[in-house]
Protein backbone atom coordinates (compact mmCIF):
# COMPACT_ATOMS: atom_id res chain seq x y z
CA MET A 1 54.28 -34.22 53.31
CA ASN A 2 51.40 -34.33 50.86
CA ALA A 3 50.43 -30.53 51.55
CA ALA A 4 54.10 -29.63 50.69
CA ALA A 5 54.53 -31.71 47.54
CA CYS A 6 50.67 -29.78 46.93
CA LEU A 7 51.90 -26.33 47.37
CA THR A 8 55.17 -26.86 44.87
CA LEU A 9 53.20 -27.68 42.18
CA ALA A 10 51.01 -24.71 42.99
CA ALA A 11 53.42 -22.10 43.26
CA PHE A 12 55.37 -23.72 40.23
CA TYR A 13 52.12 -23.17 37.91
CA CYS A 14 51.16 -20.37 39.56
CA VAL A 15 54.33 -18.64 38.20
CA VAL A 16 53.79 -20.42 34.80
CA TRP A 17 50.14 -19.13 34.81
CA CYS A 18 51.94 -15.03 35.29
CA LYS A 19 53.77 -15.59 32.00
CA GLN A 20 50.99 -17.47 30.11
CA ARG A 21 47.67 -15.73 31.16
CA GLU A 22 45.90 -17.20 28.12
CA ASN A 23 46.43 -20.39 29.75
CA TRP A 24 43.79 -20.46 32.22
CA VAL A 25 43.74 -24.33 33.38
CA HIS A 26 47.91 -23.38 34.82
CA LEU A 27 45.89 -21.23 37.44
CA VAL A 28 42.75 -23.48 38.06
CA PHE A 29 45.31 -26.26 38.67
CA SER A 30 46.79 -24.04 41.16
CA PHE A 31 43.83 -23.54 42.79
CA SER A 32 43.46 -27.31 43.73
CA ALA A 33 46.85 -27.76 44.51
CA VAL A 34 46.22 -24.88 47.10
CA ALA A 35 42.73 -26.91 48.14
CA ALA A 36 44.14 -30.15 48.60
CA ALA A 37 47.37 -29.13 50.31
CA ALA A 38 44.58 -27.00 53.01
CA ILE A 39 42.60 -30.49 53.12
CA ALA A 40 45.05 -31.67 54.33
CA ALA A 41 46.29 -29.57 57.01
CA PHE A 42 42.39 -29.49 58.66
CA GLU A 43 42.57 -33.43 58.53
CA LEU A 44 45.88 -33.85 60.26
CA ALA A 45 44.52 -30.89 62.57
CA MET A 46 41.13 -33.07 63.18
CA MET A 47 43.21 -35.95 63.81
CA HIS A 48 45.11 -34.62 66.81
CA ALA A 49 41.86 -32.13 68.01
CA LYS A 50 41.03 -33.00 71.76
CA THR A 51 37.70 -31.39 72.03
CA VAL A 52 34.33 -32.08 70.50
CA GLY A 53 34.06 -28.26 69.88
CA GLU A 54 37.72 -28.06 68.48
CA TYR A 55 36.93 -30.83 65.99
CA GLY A 56 33.26 -29.72 64.75
CA ALA A 57 35.05 -25.83 64.23
CA LEU A 58 37.90 -27.41 61.81
CA LEU A 59 35.28 -29.97 60.25
CA ARG A 60 32.82 -26.49 59.35
CA TRP A 61 36.13 -24.71 58.37
CA ILE A 62 37.20 -27.69 55.63
CA HIS A 63 34.26 -27.47 53.93
CA VAL A 64 36.13 -24.27 52.03
CA PRO A 65 38.69 -25.85 50.21
CA VAL A 66 36.48 -28.67 49.61
CA TRP A 67 34.27 -26.49 47.80
CA VAL A 68 37.26 -24.85 45.80
CA LEU A 69 38.54 -28.23 44.74
CA THR A 70 35.43 -29.41 43.77
CA VAL A 71 35.03 -26.14 41.47
CA THR A 72 38.37 -26.19 40.78
CA PHE A 73 38.38 -30.08 38.89
CA VAL A 74 35.01 -29.54 37.31
CA MET A 75 36.68 -26.37 35.93
CA PHE A 76 40.11 -28.23 34.79
CA VAL A 77 37.88 -31.05 33.10
CA ARG A 78 35.93 -28.55 30.94
CA LEU A 79 38.85 -26.75 30.47
CA TYR A 80 41.86 -28.80 29.69
CA LEU A 81 39.90 -32.56 28.62
CA HIS A 82 37.30 -30.15 27.15
CA ALA A 83 34.84 -32.84 28.07
CA GLY A 84 31.82 -33.25 30.69
CA ARG A 85 28.34 -32.28 30.41
CA PRO A 86 27.66 -28.68 30.59
CA TRP A 87 24.58 -29.00 32.54
CA LEU A 88 26.22 -31.38 35.01
CA ALA A 89 29.50 -29.68 35.73
CA TRP A 90 26.69 -26.13 36.37
CA GLY A 91 24.41 -28.03 38.79
CA ILE A 92 28.00 -29.65 40.91
CA CYS A 93 29.02 -26.43 41.84
CA GLY A 94 25.39 -25.13 42.46
CA LEU A 95 24.78 -27.64 44.51
CA ARG A 96 28.24 -27.85 46.39
CA THR A 97 27.73 -23.69 47.20
CA VAL A 98 24.12 -25.07 48.54
CA VAL A 99 26.24 -27.21 50.88
CA LEU A 100 28.97 -24.08 51.62
CA ILE A 101 26.27 -21.84 52.46
CA LEU A 102 24.03 -24.32 54.56
CA ASN A 103 27.21 -25.85 56.27
CA PHE A 104 27.74 -22.43 58.49
CA ILE A 105 24.23 -22.04 59.29
CA PHE A 106 23.94 -25.04 60.94
CA THR A 107 25.89 -26.02 64.27
CA PRO A 108 28.37 -27.53 64.61
CA ASN A 109 28.69 -28.12 60.65
CA LEU A 110 26.81 -29.87 57.59
CA ASN A 111 27.38 -33.15 58.70
CA PHE A 112 27.00 -33.76 62.24
CA GLN A 113 23.66 -32.11 64.12
CA GLN A 114 25.59 -32.93 67.12
CA ILE A 115 29.39 -34.66 67.93
CA THR A 116 29.16 -36.56 71.12
CA ARG A 117 32.26 -37.56 71.66
CA LEU A 118 35.83 -37.97 70.25
CA HIS A 119 37.08 -41.81 70.05
CA GLN A 120 40.44 -41.71 70.40
CA PHE A 121 42.56 -45.06 69.41
CA SER A 122 45.91 -45.77 68.09
CA TRP A 123 47.22 -45.27 64.24
CA TRP A 124 49.86 -46.71 62.49
CA GLY A 125 53.08 -46.25 64.57
CA GLY A 126 51.06 -45.90 68.00
CA GLU A 127 49.75 -42.53 67.02
CA VAL A 128 46.79 -41.59 68.82
CA ILE A 129 44.21 -39.98 66.27
CA SER A 130 40.44 -39.14 67.44
CA VAL A 131 37.71 -40.18 65.19
CA PRO A 132 33.51 -38.24 65.40
CA ILE A 133 31.41 -39.83 67.24
CA GLY A 134 27.43 -38.06 67.24
CA VAL A 135 24.20 -37.70 65.49
CA ALA A 136 24.35 -37.22 61.63
CA ASN A 137 22.49 -34.31 60.25
CA PRO A 138 20.02 -35.08 57.48
CA TRP A 139 21.10 -32.03 55.28
CA ALA A 140 24.57 -34.13 54.90
CA THR A 141 22.30 -35.65 52.11
CA LEU A 142 22.92 -33.21 49.92
CA SER A 143 26.81 -33.23 50.66
CA SER A 144 26.57 -37.15 49.35
CA VAL A 145 24.36 -36.20 46.28
CA SER A 146 27.27 -33.38 45.20
CA LEU A 147 29.68 -36.26 45.00
CA LEU A 148 27.53 -38.55 43.22
CA LEU A 149 27.22 -35.91 40.76
CA LEU A 150 31.17 -35.39 40.75
CA LEU A 151 31.22 -39.22 39.98
CA VAL A 152 29.14 -39.33 37.21
CA PHE A 153 30.82 -36.40 35.88
CA PHE A 154 34.38 -37.83 36.15
CA VAL A 155 32.90 -40.82 34.62
CA ASP A 156 31.20 -39.28 31.48
CA ALA A 157 34.12 -37.21 31.09
CA THR A 158 36.69 -40.05 30.66
CA ILE A 159 34.07 -41.68 28.33
CA THR A 160 34.47 -38.66 26.00
CA VAL A 161 37.96 -38.40 26.02
CA TRP A 162 38.66 -42.55 25.48
CA ARG A 163 36.24 -42.25 22.57
CA ARG A 164 37.84 -39.45 21.20
CA GLY A 165 41.21 -41.24 21.06
CA ASN A 166 42.96 -39.81 23.62
CA ARG A 167 43.17 -43.55 26.09
CA ARG A 168 46.47 -42.61 27.96
CA ARG A 169 44.63 -39.16 28.93
CA ALA A 170 41.89 -40.76 29.34
CA LEU A 171 42.91 -43.85 31.94
CA PHE A 172 45.33 -41.38 34.05
CA VAL A 173 43.64 -38.33 34.88
CA GLY A 174 39.78 -39.65 34.40
CA GLY A 175 40.65 -43.05 36.04
CA SER A 176 42.13 -40.93 39.29
CA MET A 177 39.19 -38.52 39.01
CA ILE A 178 37.15 -41.73 39.24
CA PHE A 179 39.26 -43.36 42.26
CA GLY A 180 39.76 -40.19 44.40
CA ALA A 181 35.81 -39.72 44.01
CA ILE A 182 35.15 -42.96 44.73
CA LEU A 183 37.59 -42.72 47.86
CA ALA A 184 35.53 -39.71 48.95
CA TRP A 185 32.58 -41.74 49.63
CA HIS A 186 34.25 -42.87 52.93
CA VAL A 187 33.29 -39.43 54.53
CA PRO A 188 29.76 -40.28 54.95
CA LEU A 189 30.25 -43.44 55.56
CA VAL A 190 32.14 -41.72 58.87
CA VAL A 191 29.37 -39.21 59.21
CA TRP A 192 26.58 -41.74 59.61
CA GLY A 193 28.53 -44.08 61.88
CA VAL A 194 28.91 -47.12 59.49
CA ILE A 195 32.94 -46.83 59.94
CA GLU A 196 35.23 -45.28 62.10
CA VAL A 197 38.30 -44.31 60.43
CA PRO A 198 39.64 -41.14 60.16
CA PHE A 199 38.96 -38.43 57.26
CA PHE A 200 41.33 -39.12 54.49
CA LEU A 201 40.29 -37.28 51.66
CA CYS A 202 43.95 -35.98 51.40
CA PHE A 203 45.37 -38.92 50.01
CA ALA A 204 42.11 -39.39 47.56
CA TYR A 205 42.25 -35.78 46.09
CA SER A 206 46.31 -35.40 45.90
CA GLY A 207 46.21 -38.37 43.67
CA ILE A 208 43.70 -36.48 41.55
CA VAL A 209 46.37 -33.54 41.98
CA ALA A 210 49.18 -35.05 41.15
CA ALA A 211 47.46 -36.71 37.74
CA MET A 212 46.80 -33.23 36.77
CA GLY A 213 50.13 -32.22 37.40
CA TYR A 214 51.83 -34.89 35.80
CA GLU A 215 49.58 -34.73 32.59
CA LEU A 216 50.34 -30.55 32.73
CA SER A 217 54.12 -31.34 33.13
CA THR A 218 54.45 -33.69 30.16
CA ASP A 219 52.38 -30.88 27.68
CA MET A 220 55.14 -28.39 28.93
CA ALA A 221 57.83 -30.67 27.98
CA ARG A 222 55.76 -31.53 24.61
CA THR A 223 55.39 -27.58 24.33
CA VAL A 224 59.12 -26.73 25.21
CA GLN A 225 60.23 -29.86 22.75
CA LEU A 226 58.10 -28.42 19.98
CA ALA A 227 59.56 -24.53 20.81
CA ARG A 228 62.92 -26.49 19.71
CA GLU A 229 61.91 -27.80 16.86
CA LEU A 230 59.99 -24.70 15.78
CA GLU A 231 63.38 -22.97 16.56
CA ALA A 232 65.40 -25.20 14.51
CA SER A 233 62.75 -24.74 11.56
CA ASP A 234 62.74 -21.14 11.94
CA GLN A 235 66.60 -21.52 11.53
CA ARG A 236 66.21 -23.76 8.19
CA LEU A 237 63.43 -21.13 7.02
CA ASN A 238 65.02 -18.50 7.47
CA LEU A 239 68.79 -19.87 5.94
CA ALA A 240 66.22 -21.05 2.96
CA ALA A 241 64.58 -17.54 2.70
CA ASP A 242 68.30 -15.75 2.77
CA SER A 243 69.30 -18.01 -0.19
CA ALA A 244 66.91 -17.49 -2.16
CA GLY A 245 66.76 -13.37 -1.36
CA LEU A 246 63.65 -13.30 0.52
CA GLY A 247 63.21 -11.10 3.63
CA LEU A 248 59.99 -12.44 6.10
CA TRP A 249 58.50 -10.25 7.94
CA GLU A 250 55.27 -10.35 10.56
CA TRP A 251 53.02 -7.02 10.99
CA ASP A 252 51.66 -6.94 14.51
CA ILE A 253 48.73 -4.89 13.48
CA VAL A 254 46.95 -4.33 17.21
CA ARG A 255 50.44 -3.05 18.81
CA ASN A 256 51.49 -2.09 14.75
CA GLU A 257 55.00 -3.34 15.24
CA ILE A 258 56.84 -5.00 12.46
CA TRP A 259 59.02 -7.93 12.91
CA ILE A 260 61.65 -8.68 9.99
CA THR A 261 64.86 -11.04 9.01
CA ASP A 262 68.05 -9.30 8.67
CA ARG A 263 67.77 -10.08 5.21
CA GLY A 264 64.26 -8.21 4.92
CA ARG A 265 66.23 -5.31 6.70
CA SER A 266 68.81 -4.91 4.02
CA LEU A 267 66.59 -5.18 0.88
CA PHE A 268 64.75 -1.82 2.86
CA GLY A 269 67.57 -0.01 3.97
CA PHE A 270 66.69 -0.63 7.66
CA GLY A 271 69.18 -0.60 10.79
CA ALA A 272 69.42 -4.21 12.54
CA SER A 273 68.19 -2.59 15.97
CA GLU A 274 65.54 -0.17 14.38
CA LYS A 275 62.36 0.08 15.86
CA LEU A 276 59.46 -0.37 12.98
CA ASP A 277 56.05 0.44 12.42
CA PHE A 278 53.96 0.74 9.73
CA ASP A 279 54.41 4.18 9.02
CA ARG A 280 57.97 3.73 8.89
CA PHE A 281 57.63 0.86 6.15
CA ARG A 282 55.38 3.69 4.20
CA SER A 283 58.37 6.15 4.07
CA ARG A 284 60.65 3.58 2.34
CA LEU A 285 57.79 3.60 -0.73
CA HIS A 286 58.75 5.44 -3.78
CA PRO A 287 56.02 8.24 -4.24
CA GLU A 288 54.36 6.81 -7.33
CA ASP A 289 53.70 3.81 -5.91
CA ARG A 290 52.81 4.79 -2.28
CA LYS A 291 49.16 4.91 -3.05
CA SER A 292 48.75 1.82 -4.69
CA VAL A 293 50.63 -0.13 -2.08
CA LEU A 294 48.41 1.30 0.32
CA ASN A 295 45.24 0.24 -1.57
CA GLY A 296 46.56 -3.36 -1.17
CA VAL A 297 47.46 -3.39 2.35
CA GLU A 298 43.78 -2.25 2.87
CA ASN A 299 41.97 -4.61 0.53
CA SER A 300 43.73 -7.44 2.53
CA LEU A 301 42.59 -6.27 5.88
CA ARG A 302 39.41 -5.48 4.46
CA THR A 303 38.77 -8.49 2.45
CA GLY A 304 41.15 -10.86 4.12
CA ALA A 305 42.34 -11.53 0.01
CA GLN A 306 46.06 -12.20 -0.15
CA TYR A 307 48.23 -9.02 -0.41
CA GLN A 308 50.37 -9.14 -3.49
CA SER A 309 52.27 -6.10 -4.95
CA GLU A 310 55.17 -4.60 -6.80
CA TYR A 311 56.99 -1.84 -5.64
CA ARG A 312 60.10 0.34 -5.81
CA VAL A 313 61.61 1.63 -2.72
CA VAL A 314 64.00 4.83 -1.65
CA LEU A 315 66.89 3.33 -0.09
CA PRO A 316 68.63 6.11 2.52
CA ASN A 317 70.97 6.21 -0.37
CA GLY A 318 69.11 7.52 -2.69
CA GLN A 319 69.16 4.40 -4.84
CA LEU A 320 65.95 3.15 -6.09
CA ARG A 321 65.06 -0.82 -5.53
CA TRP A 322 62.37 -2.69 -6.90
CA ILE A 323 60.32 -5.62 -4.22
CA ALA A 324 58.00 -8.11 -4.64
CA GLY A 325 55.55 -8.46 -2.02
CA ARG A 326 53.11 -11.19 -0.98
CA GLY A 327 51.39 -11.33 2.74
CA GLN A 328 48.49 -12.80 4.58
CA VAL A 329 46.32 -11.51 6.99
CA GLU A 330 45.27 -13.50 10.36
CA CYS A 331 42.09 -12.61 12.19
CA ASN A 332 41.21 -13.03 15.87
CA GLY A 333 37.45 -14.70 16.68
CA ASP A 334 35.45 -11.84 15.81
CA GLY A 335 36.90 -11.44 12.56
CA GLN A 336 39.31 -8.46 12.84
CA PRO A 337 42.61 -8.50 11.42
CA VAL A 338 45.28 -8.79 14.09
CA ARG A 339 48.43 -9.70 12.43
CA MET A 340 50.09 -10.06 8.49
CA ARG A 341 52.79 -12.32 7.70
CA GLY A 342 54.60 -12.32 4.28
CA ALA A 343 57.92 -12.16 2.45
CA SER A 344 59.57 -9.42 0.27
CA LEU A 345 62.13 -10.35 -3.04
CA ASP A 346 64.26 -8.14 -4.82
CA ILE A 347 63.18 -8.74 -8.02
CA THR A 348 65.33 -5.07 -9.37
CA LYS A 349 67.47 -7.58 -11.85
CA ARG A 350 64.00 -8.69 -13.45
CA LYS A 351 62.49 -5.44 -13.62
CA GLN A 352 65.82 -3.92 -15.70
CA ALA A 353 65.50 -7.39 -17.87
CA GLU A 354 62.04 -6.58 -18.42
CA GLU A 355 62.91 -3.37 -19.30
CA GLN A 356 65.63 -4.09 -21.62
CA LEU A 357 63.32 -6.55 -22.63
CA ARG A 358 60.55 -3.94 -23.48
CA MET A 359 62.82 -1.50 -25.52
CA SER A 360 64.49 -4.16 -27.47
CA GLU A 361 60.90 -5.67 -28.89
CA ALA A 362 60.40 -1.92 -29.38
CA THR A 363 63.09 -1.59 -31.56
CA LEU A 364 62.49 -5.00 -32.96
CA ARG A 365 59.18 -3.94 -34.26
CA GLU A 366 59.88 -0.53 -35.49
CA SER A 367 62.98 -2.80 -37.53
CA LYS A 368 60.33 -4.82 -38.72
CA GLU A 369 57.76 -1.92 -39.73
CA HIS A 370 60.85 -0.25 -41.57
CA ILE A 371 61.85 -3.84 -43.28
CA ASP A 372 58.11 -4.17 -43.93
CA LEU A 373 57.88 -0.66 -45.52
CA ALA A 374 61.29 -1.54 -47.04
CA THR A 375 60.12 -4.91 -49.14
CA LYS A 376 56.78 -3.66 -50.00
CA ALA A 377 58.44 -0.62 -52.04
CA ALA A 378 60.96 -2.94 -53.29
CA GLY A 379 57.72 -5.83 -54.27
CA LEU A 380 59.84 -8.01 -52.24
CA VAL A 381 58.84 -11.59 -50.55
CA VAL A 382 60.70 -12.85 -47.62
CA TRP A 383 60.70 -16.51 -46.81
CA THR A 384 62.67 -19.29 -44.36
CA TRP A 385 62.54 -22.63 -45.78
CA ASP A 386 63.14 -25.35 -42.62
CA ILE A 387 64.61 -28.22 -45.11
CA PRO A 388 64.09 -31.03 -42.64
CA ARG A 389 61.04 -30.71 -41.79
CA ASP A 390 60.13 -29.21 -45.43
CA GLU A 391 58.03 -26.22 -44.20
CA PHE A 392 58.03 -22.73 -45.50
CA TRP A 393 57.23 -19.45 -43.59
CA VAL A 394 56.01 -16.61 -45.28
CA SER A 395 53.88 -12.97 -43.89
CA SER A 396 50.20 -13.67 -44.39
CA LYS A 397 50.27 -11.08 -46.89
CA ASP A 398 52.56 -13.26 -49.03
CA ARG A 399 50.70 -16.15 -48.91
CA ALA A 400 47.43 -14.25 -49.84
CA LEU A 401 49.55 -12.81 -52.97
CA PHE A 402 50.49 -16.41 -54.25
CA GLY A 403 46.92 -17.69 -53.56
CA PHE A 404 47.90 -19.69 -50.42
CA SER A 405 45.39 -20.28 -47.48
CA GLN A 406 46.61 -18.80 -43.99
CA THR A 407 46.70 -22.34 -42.38
CA GLU A 408 47.88 -24.28 -44.91
CA LYS A 409 51.62 -26.04 -44.57
CA LEU A 410 53.63 -24.62 -47.60
CA THR A 411 55.95 -27.48 -48.69
CA ALA A 412 58.49 -27.88 -51.41
CA GLU A 413 56.20 -29.37 -53.49
CA ARG A 414 53.25 -27.23 -53.16
CA ILE A 415 55.54 -23.79 -53.79
CA ARG A 416 56.46 -25.84 -57.01
CA SER A 417 52.86 -26.00 -57.83
CA VAL A 418 52.95 -21.97 -58.63
CA VAL A 419 55.90 -22.06 -60.87
CA HIS A 420 55.32 -21.61 -64.33
CA PRO A 421 55.05 -25.54 -66.05
CA GLU A 422 58.08 -24.94 -68.21
CA ASP A 423 60.01 -23.41 -65.22
CA ARG A 424 59.08 -26.54 -62.82
CA GLN A 425 62.40 -29.28 -63.91
CA LEU A 426 64.68 -26.42 -63.42
CA LEU A 427 63.45 -25.57 -59.99
CA ARG A 428 63.50 -29.16 -58.77
CA GLN A 429 66.82 -29.42 -60.54
CA GLN A 430 68.19 -26.86 -58.52
CA THR A 431 66.64 -27.56 -55.27
CA ASP A 432 68.00 -30.93 -55.69
CA ALA A 433 71.56 -29.74 -55.47
CA LEU A 434 71.31 -27.73 -52.40
CA THR A 435 74.63 -29.25 -50.98
CA THR A 436 76.86 -28.51 -53.69
CA GLY A 437 76.71 -24.48 -52.37
CA ARG A 438 75.27 -22.06 -49.74
CA GLU A 439 74.33 -19.47 -52.18
CA ILE A 440 71.36 -19.70 -54.36
CA GLU A 441 70.36 -17.57 -57.29
CA ASN A 442 67.64 -18.00 -60.30
CA GLN A 443 65.10 -17.44 -62.02
CA TYR A 444 61.50 -18.12 -63.18
CA ARG A 445 58.16 -17.56 -63.53
CA VAL A 446 55.16 -18.34 -61.16
CA LEU A 447 51.23 -17.97 -61.82
CA LEU A 448 49.19 -15.42 -59.34
CA PRO A 449 45.62 -16.85 -58.60
CA ASP A 450 43.97 -14.28 -61.30
CA GLY A 451 45.87 -15.75 -64.26
CA ARG A 452 48.95 -13.42 -64.72
CA VAL A 453 52.41 -14.36 -65.19
CA ARG A 454 55.31 -12.75 -63.09
CA TRP A 455 59.18 -13.61 -63.45
CA VAL A 456 60.84 -13.34 -59.74
CA MET A 457 64.67 -13.87 -59.09
CA ARG A 458 65.45 -15.92 -56.17
CA LEU A 459 68.20 -14.93 -53.79
CA GLY A 460 69.06 -17.20 -51.28
CA ARG A 461 71.47 -18.34 -48.16
CA VAL A 462 71.60 -22.01 -47.08
CA GLU A 463 72.74 -22.94 -43.71
CA PHE A 464 74.34 -26.23 -42.84
CA ASP A 465 74.09 -28.26 -39.72
CA ALA A 466 77.20 -29.54 -38.08
CA ASP A 467 77.01 -33.19 -40.08
CA GLY A 468 77.36 -30.51 -43.30
CA LYS A 469 73.52 -31.32 -43.80
CA PRO A 470 71.50 -28.78 -45.30
CA LEU A 471 69.14 -26.90 -42.46
CA ARG A 472 67.77 -23.85 -43.61
CA GLU A 473 67.22 -21.47 -46.48
CA ARG A 474 66.19 -18.24 -45.90
CA GLY A 475 66.00 -15.74 -48.92
CA ILE A 476 63.84 -12.99 -50.92
CA LEU A 477 62.12 -13.45 -54.14
CA MET A 478 62.30 -10.20 -56.38
CA ASP A 479 59.86 -9.59 -58.71
CA ILE A 480 62.05 -8.98 -62.10
CA SER A 481 58.80 -8.95 -64.42
CA GLU A 482 59.40 -5.27 -65.61
CA ARG A 483 62.82 -5.76 -66.15
CA LYS A 484 62.32 -9.19 -68.29
CA GLN A 485 59.84 -7.36 -70.20
CA ALA A 486 62.26 -4.95 -71.00
CA GLU A 487 65.07 -7.24 -71.86
CA LEU A 488 62.63 -9.16 -74.06
CA GLU A 489 61.51 -5.59 -75.53
CA ALA A 490 65.34 -4.91 -76.19
CA ALA A 491 65.76 -8.64 -77.94
CA ARG A 492 62.91 -7.83 -79.92
CA GLN A 493 63.82 -4.52 -80.93
CA ARG A 494 67.78 -6.46 -81.63
CA HIS A 495 66.11 -8.70 -83.91
CA ASP A 496 63.88 -6.17 -86.28
CA LEU A 497 67.07 -3.97 -86.33
CA ALA A 498 69.36 -6.82 -87.86
CA HIS A 499 66.29 -8.20 -89.77
CA LEU A 500 65.90 -4.80 -91.78
CA ALA A 501 69.63 -4.80 -91.66
CA ARG A 502 69.69 -7.67 -94.04
CA VAL A 503 66.59 -6.57 -96.09
CA THR A 504 68.45 -3.42 -96.76
CA THR A 505 71.68 -5.39 -97.70
CA LEU A 506 69.99 -7.90 -100.00
CA GLY A 507 68.17 -4.67 -101.34
């Protein structure tokens, strides 16, 4: 029964290893289970042996599965529990190998120099079993030493796992190994004649195998659960990616295979079942962008830096599409790139908007240049007054014209400070009457930094908010000094003519 259970476990985990060859612990466990089944079969045969020769031969050959079981137990502790001192593991395996070799050198085996007789007696249920009586082989001490080292190895590994915080595994697996190793000490006691019982290593070692199998099955169940959670997470991720217009992809660099979501395939114009590799991806790139994209990929593979690129792809119907790609390289233990994962996003609309913005900015820049030329030619000063904040905006050139610094805040009071003293009251009255109309027009004199007096005409339009309060005023100042000078000159001439006419009349 024990043998059948062990063989079933061995077959199951051997199949698991065939599908997951990178996980060697499954193969190690399979060998342990087969060895435990073999030990059970040998012990059953020894219990029913009828002659001394038959018993001695069986006892000799049972050392082979015992050697396999010992080595695989040590490997399981090292590979699965990641515990146990390496030198102790090598010492156990080496000493057990020496025991196996000596076992086939001595006759009838390593345990006995001579088996004198078989003591047969009734066991449970009235079954007659055989127990060896003979002269113990002094070299059998080596087998006991290897068993002692194995016990020490198990205790040390259990303590290590316990200190790591994995106490359940330490108690279940480590505890079963320690208990099994202690039970195995009945073998030297039988050999040296201390007790007369049949060998029952199969019970001790089958318990260890059962604990190992249970722990592996727990891990497998946890793996299945994690796989389900990962699948659900992938579905949520794909849903989120599709909602955001992202195409997720993964490039297996070693096999040169590309996996990509359905959304990603539609971005590049690939068929749903089309097999993809890097050359197929490269064929979609716009000829003008191909070199920059390949250089970016090569740099990421060489340095491990994040891959970032914006490029155009040519779809099968000739349509151009802008793509933003991001990716990260994954390397193996030797530092060689083996995989790149990333995402791609359609940014065609953004690029079109950027192009429109660029053209608008260029048009605005040209318009501004034309306006600047026109205002300069006409001697105009363009300004905006934020009325609630009481702050004027004028160009840097016009600030310098009136003697304002480039950083000072221009308020209404600061503007009035450059107005001729005789005109300030008029300007203040018109400013206070902003709520009476939208159009502003007046004329006044300003004092320039060099002491000159210039006549200007103020033309402005007031903007009001929803409550009817003045919000801002936009306008221009026009230098009308020459016109004013001409008007004054004409007035002077008219005055002179009128005076001359009066004098002539009186004369």
